[in-house]
Amino acid sequence: MALKQQILDDIKTAMRAGDKDRLGVLRMLSAAIKQREVDERIELDDAQTLAVVEKMIKQRKESADQYTTGGRAELAEKELAEIEILKHYLPEQLSDAEIDALIEETIAATGASGIKDMGKVMGELKPRVQGRADMGEVSKKIKARLGS
């Protein structure tokens, strides 16, 4: 529960500092975590909390893209600023070389030979890179590797 506690502590810190932008994002994050706990009737662990953070980042990236396409740069900037606040809770990101090495290792371990084995590779790899890499990018790399 360390990640959830860190978020709650940061909410208190933001309140004391009067940082309204950060406070708003952190309250939204806390509400999303609590909503998932209520919906699923469970207490989220760090991995599940991390999944909520990743989902919120993905939503904001999509929103920023839509705002940019729609010519609303100020709203896109707001979404990107929220992403920066949320990224604070992600673990250190893997480099491209580290991701490529993990993909090769997983392909070798699963014996994947073609695109039909992509699900098997993703299933093995996801827990190892969760929160440390963009799963969309990892998926593209696996597809490129297995497709050739």
Protein backbone atom coordinates (compact mmCIF):
# COMPACT_ATOMS: atom_id res chain seq x y z
CA MET A 1 0.00 0.00 0.00
CA ALA A 2 3.03 2.27 -0.17
CA LEU A 3 2.04 3.93 -3.47
CA LYS A 4 -1.47 4.77 -2.27
CA GLN A 5 -0.04 6.20 0.95
CA GLN A 6 2.48 8.27 -1.03
CA ILE A 7 -0.38 9.74 -3.08
CA LEU A 8 -2.35 10.61 0.08
CA ASP A 9 0.73 12.20 1.64
CA ASP A 10 1.31 14.22 -1.53
CA ILE A 11 -2.29 15.43 -1.43
CA LYS A 12 -1.70 16.78 2.08
CA THR A 13 1.56 18.40 0.99
CA ALA A 14 -0.12 20.04 -2.01
CA MET A 15 -2.91 21.34 0.25
CA ARG A 16 -0.42 22.89 2.65
CA ALA A 17 1.58 24.41 -0.22
CA GLY A 18 -1.52 25.78 -1.92
CA ASP A 19 -0.62 24.05 -5.20
CA LYS A 20 -4.13 23.88 -6.68
CA ASP A 21 -3.17 22.30 -10.01
CA ARG A 22 -1.25 19.45 -8.39
CA LEU A 23 -3.91 19.02 -5.71
CA GLY A 24 -6.66 18.69 -8.33
CA VAL A 25 -4.79 16.00 -10.25
CA LEU A 26 -3.92 14.07 -7.10
CA ARG A 27 -7.50 14.20 -5.84
CA MET A 28 -8.67 12.90 -9.23
CA LEU A 29 -6.15 10.07 -8.96
CA SER A 30 -7.21 9.24 -5.42
CA ALA A 31 -10.87 9.22 -6.48
CA ALA A 32 -10.09 6.85 -9.39
CA ILE A 33 -8.27 4.50 -7.03
CA LYS A 34 -11.13 4.54 -4.51
CA GLN A 35 -13.70 4.05 -7.31
CA ARG A 36 -11.91 0.93 -8.52
CA GLU A 37 -11.68 -0.40 -4.95
CA VAL A 38 -15.40 0.14 -4.43
CA ASP A 39 -16.37 -1.31 -7.82
CA GLU A 40 -14.27 -4.44 -7.37
CA ARG A 41 -14.66 -4.66 -3.56
CA ILE A 42 -10.90 -5.06 -3.07
CA GLU A 43 -7.99 -3.18 -1.58
CA LEU A 44 -5.62 -2.21 -4.40
CA ASP A 45 -1.97 -3.19 -4.06
CA ASP A 46 0.89 -1.21 -5.62
CA ALA A 47 0.68 -3.00 -8.99
CA GLN A 48 -3.06 -2.34 -9.28
CA THR A 49 -2.62 1.27 -8.16
CA LEU A 50 0.09 1.64 -10.78
CA ALA A 51 -2.35 0.34 -13.40
CA VAL A 52 -4.80 3.12 -12.43
CA VAL A 53 -2.03 5.72 -12.80
CA GLU A 54 -1.09 4.32 -16.23
CA LYS A 55 -4.72 4.38 -17.34
CA MET A 56 -5.07 8.02 -16.32
CA ILE A 57 -1.88 8.92 -18.21
CA LYS A 58 -3.14 7.12 -21.31
CA GLN A 59 -6.48 8.95 -21.11
CA ARG A 60 -4.71 12.29 -20.86
CA LYS A 61 -2.45 11.51 -23.81
CA GLU A 62 -5.48 10.68 -25.93
CA SER A 63 -7.26 13.85 -24.79
CA ALA A 64 -4.21 15.99 -25.53
CA ASP A 65 -4.01 14.52 -29.04
CA GLN A 66 -7.69 15.26 -29.63
CA TYR A 67 -7.34 18.82 -28.31
CA THR A 68 -4.30 19.41 -30.49
CA THR A 69 -6.13 18.08 -33.55
CA GLY A 70 -9.10 20.29 -32.67
CA GLY A 71 -6.93 23.39 -32.38
CA ARG A 72 -7.32 23.74 -28.60
CA ALA A 73 -3.67 24.08 -27.61
CA GLU A 74 -4.43 25.49 -24.13
CA LEU A 75 -6.48 22.41 -23.21
CA ALA A 76 -3.82 20.10 -24.64
CA GLU A 77 -1.19 21.86 -22.50
CA LYS A 78 -3.34 21.34 -19.40
CA GLU A 79 -3.60 17.60 -20.14
CA LEU A 80 0.17 17.36 -20.71
CA ALA A 81 0.82 19.16 -17.41
CA GLU A 82 -1.40 16.59 -15.65
CA ILE A 83 0.60 13.79 -17.29
CA GLU A 84 3.81 15.22 -15.82
CA ILE A 85 2.28 15.19 -12.33
CA LEU A 86 1.07 11.60 -12.77
CA LYS A 87 4.43 10.39 -14.17
CA HIS A 88 5.92 11.09 -10.75
CA TYR A 89 4.27 7.87 -9.51
CA LEU A 90 5.63 5.62 -12.25
CA PRO A 91 8.81 3.64 -11.63
CA GLU A 92 11.95 4.49 -13.59
CA GLN A 93 11.31 3.91 -17.29
CA LEU A 94 13.19 1.27 -19.25
CA SER A 95 15.43 2.30 -22.13
CA ASP A 96 14.77 1.05 -25.67
CA ALA A 97 17.77 -1.28 -25.41
CA GLU A 98 16.45 -2.78 -22.15
CA ILE A 99 13.00 -3.27 -23.69
CA ASP A 100 14.50 -4.92 -26.78
CA ALA A 101 16.57 -7.25 -24.58
CA LEU A 102 13.51 -8.23 -22.53
CA ILE A 103 11.53 -8.88 -25.72
CA GLU A 104 14.29 -11.12 -27.13
CA GLU A 105 14.60 -12.96 -23.82
CA THR A 106 10.82 -13.51 -23.60
CA ILE A 107 10.55 -14.66 -27.23
CA ALA A 108 13.33 -17.18 -26.59
CA ALA A 109 11.75 -18.36 -23.33
CA THR A 110 8.28 -18.84 -24.84
CA GLY A 111 9.53 -20.29 -28.11
CA ALA A 112 7.44 -17.78 -30.08
CA SER A 113 7.95 -18.11 -33.80
CA GLY A 114 5.34 -15.91 -35.43
CA ILE A 115 2.69 -13.26 -34.98
CA LYS A 116 0.27 -15.94 -33.74
CA ASP A 117 2.40 -16.21 -30.57
CA MET A 118 2.17 -12.49 -29.78
CA GLY A 119 -0.38 -13.01 -26.99
CA LYS A 120 1.89 -15.51 -25.28
CA VAL A 121 4.84 -13.08 -25.44
CA MET A 122 2.74 -10.12 -24.21
CA GLY A 123 1.35 -12.21 -21.36
CA GLU A 124 4.84 -13.09 -20.16
CA LEU A 125 6.30 -9.63 -20.70
CA LYS A 126 3.55 -7.39 -19.30
CA PRO A 127 4.13 -8.07 -15.58
CA ARG A 128 7.85 -7.42 -16.05
CA VAL A 129 7.50 -4.03 -17.76
CA GLN A 130 4.24 -2.78 -16.20
CA GLY A 131 4.62 0.91 -15.44
CA ARG A 132 8.17 0.97 -16.72
CA ALA A 133 7.34 1.13 -20.45
CA ASP A 134 4.48 2.17 -22.71
CA MET A 135 2.72 -1.10 -23.48
CA GLY A 136 1.59 0.23 -26.87
CA GLU A 137 5.21 0.75 -27.89
CA VAL A 138 6.21 -2.65 -26.49
CA SER A 139 3.40 -4.24 -28.50
CA LYS A 140 4.61 -2.54 -31.70
CA LYS A 141 8.16 -3.78 -31.08
CA ILE A 142 6.97 -7.34 -30.48
CA LYS A 143 4.79 -7.25 -33.60
CA ALA A 144 7.71 -5.97 -35.68
CA ARG A 145 10.01 -8.65 -34.26
CA LEU A 146 7.56 -11.55 -34.71
CA GLY A 147 6.26 -10.35 -38.06
CA SER A 148 9.68 -10.59 -39.72
